[in-house]
Amino acid sequence: MSAAAIHITPVPRYLADRSSPEDEHYVFAYTITIDNQSDETVTLISRRWLITDANGKRIEVEGSGVVGEQPAIAAGDDYTYTSGVSLETPVGVMEGFYTLRRDDGSEFEAPIAPFRLAQPNLIN
């Protein structure tokens, strides 16, 4: 099995009620669905994010699992979680990868393609 059998779909959204643009504080939630289209169970053991705001400020986030879990995702199944991030600008980009473990103990990285975080109606 390769990383190509793992499909990662992000859905970001701006949280206006938690943001404070006058203080350069923009909060976004993102829901990620990890779809295991392989023929074996994988366990998500860690994540690595690179978050870049509109000023070019880069933040790297690494850690065990996601939202306090290290989910096992069965063959043909998916796993969805929601988390969040705050930026100093109304636009940014997130990208990264998950490290997944196969049943035989081997590990591989599943890339997370860049996706945009943006305050809606920013450009009229």
Protein backbone atom coordinates (compact mmCIF):
# COMPACT_ATOMS: atom_id res chain seq x y z
CA MET A 1 0.00 0.00 0.00
CA SER A 2 1.17 3.51 -0.76
CA ALA A 3 0.22 6.99 0.36
CA ALA A 4 -1.85 7.26 -2.84
CA ALA A 5 -4.45 4.98 -1.22
CA ILE A 6 -5.01 7.56 1.54
CA HIS A 7 -7.21 10.46 0.45
CA ILE A 8 -7.22 13.57 2.63
CA THR A 9 -9.98 16.15 2.21
CA PRO A 10 -9.80 19.44 4.16
CA VAL A 11 -12.77 21.77 4.60
CA PRO A 12 -11.69 25.07 6.19
CA ARG A 13 -14.01 27.76 7.55
CA TYR A 14 -13.57 31.19 9.06
CA LEU A 15 -14.84 31.70 12.62
CA ALA A 16 -15.99 35.33 12.69
CA ASP A 17 -17.34 35.03 16.25
CA ARG A 18 -13.89 34.06 17.57
CA SER A 19 -11.89 36.45 15.41
CA SER A 20 -10.90 40.02 16.13
CA PRO A 21 -9.66 41.65 12.90
CA GLU A 22 -8.95 44.95 14.68
CA ASP A 23 -6.42 43.02 16.80
CA GLU A 24 -5.05 41.08 13.79
CA HIS A 25 -6.52 37.85 15.16
CA TYR A 26 -8.24 35.59 12.61
CA VAL A 27 -9.51 32.17 13.70
CA PHE A 28 -10.22 29.27 11.37
CA ALA A 29 -11.58 25.78 11.91
CA TYR A 30 -10.79 22.96 9.54
CA THR A 31 -12.44 19.60 9.21
CA ILE A 32 -10.29 16.84 7.78
CA THR A 33 -11.55 13.55 6.40
CA ILE A 34 -8.96 10.80 5.94
CA ASP A 35 -10.28 8.12 3.60
CA ASN A 36 -8.42 4.80 3.65
CA GLN A 37 -8.91 3.32 0.18
CA SER A 38 -6.29 0.63 0.76
CA ASP A 39 -6.87 -3.00 1.68
CA GLU A 40 -5.40 -2.77 5.18
CA THR A 41 -5.90 -0.89 8.43
CA VAL A 42 -3.61 2.07 9.13
CA THR A 43 -3.05 3.98 12.36
CA LEU A 44 -2.43 7.71 12.32
CA ILE A 45 0.51 8.19 14.67
CA SER A 46 1.57 11.80 14.07
CA ARG A 47 1.06 14.97 12.09
CA ARG A 48 3.20 17.78 10.78
CA TRP A 49 1.74 21.08 9.59
CA LEU A 50 3.31 24.07 7.92
CA ILE A 51 1.07 27.12 8.27
CA THR A 52 1.94 30.29 6.36
CA ASP A 53 0.10 33.59 6.76
CA ALA A 54 -0.20 36.40 4.19
CA ASN A 55 2.86 38.13 5.65
CA GLY A 56 4.99 35.04 5.00
CA LYS A 57 5.15 34.12 8.69
CA ARG A 58 5.58 30.34 8.92
CA ILE A 59 4.53 28.18 11.84
CA GLU A 60 5.41 24.49 12.07
CA VAL A 61 3.26 22.23 14.21
CA GLU A 62 4.20 18.64 14.98
CA GLY A 63 2.66 16.20 17.36
CA SER A 64 1.31 12.83 18.21
CA GLY A 65 -1.98 11.88 16.54
CA VAL A 66 -4.76 14.40 15.97
CA VAL A 67 -7.10 16.00 18.52
CA GLY A 68 -5.69 13.75 21.25
CA GLU A 69 -6.26 10.53 19.31
CA GLN A 70 -4.23 8.06 17.28
CA PRO A 71 -7.09 6.57 15.29
CA ALA A 72 -6.95 3.24 13.52
CA ILE A 73 -8.67 3.59 10.14
CA ALA A 74 -9.88 0.29 8.71
CA ALA A 75 -9.58 -0.58 5.03
CA GLY A 76 -12.36 1.16 3.13
CA ASP A 77 -13.26 3.35 6.12
CA ASP A 78 -12.65 6.99 6.91
CA TYR A 79 -11.94 9.18 9.92
CA THR A 80 -13.04 12.81 10.35
CA TYR A 81 -11.96 15.37 12.91
CA THR A 82 -12.12 19.13 13.38
CA SER A 83 -9.41 21.40 14.74
CA GLY A 84 -8.45 25.04 14.46
CA VAL A 85 -5.74 27.61 13.95
CA SER A 86 -5.38 31.37 14.42
CA LEU A 87 -3.47 33.71 12.14
CA GLU A 88 -2.42 37.36 12.23
CA THR A 89 -3.72 37.86 8.68
CA PRO A 90 -7.12 37.15 7.05
CA VAL A 91 -5.54 34.72 4.56
CA GLY A 92 -3.15 31.83 4.97
CA VAL A 93 -2.21 28.38 3.71
CA MET A 94 -1.86 25.04 5.51
CA GLU A 95 -0.08 21.95 4.25
CA GLY A 96 1.74 19.00 5.72
CA PHE A 97 1.56 15.26 6.18
CA TYR A 98 0.36 12.50 8.46
CA THR A 99 2.62 9.63 9.46
CA LEU A 100 0.65 6.40 9.29
CA ARG A 101 1.58 2.91 10.49
CA ARG A 102 0.60 -0.27 8.70
CA ASP A 103 -0.33 -3.44 10.59
CA ASP A 104 3.17 -4.84 9.91
CA GLY A 105 4.68 -1.88 11.80
CA SER A 106 6.08 -0.07 8.77
CA GLU A 107 5.35 3.62 8.46
CA PHE A 108 4.73 6.02 5.59
CA GLU A 109 3.80 9.66 5.10
CA ALA A 110 0.51 10.72 3.53
CA PRO A 111 0.84 14.27 2.17
CA ILE A 112 -1.77 16.93 2.87
CA ALA A 113 -1.99 19.19 -0.17
CA PRO A 114 -1.95 22.94 0.50
CA PHE A 115 -5.34 24.45 1.28
CA ARG A 116 -6.31 28.06 1.82
CA LEU A 117 -7.65 29.68 4.95
CA ALA A 118 -9.46 32.92 4.04
CA GLN A 119 -11.87 35.34 5.60
CA PRO A 120 -14.93 35.34 3.30
CA ASN A 121 -15.84 38.36 1.20
CA LEU A 122 -12.34 39.78 1.64
CA ILE A 123 -12.23 40.85 -1.99
CA ASN A 124 -15.42 42.40 -3.36
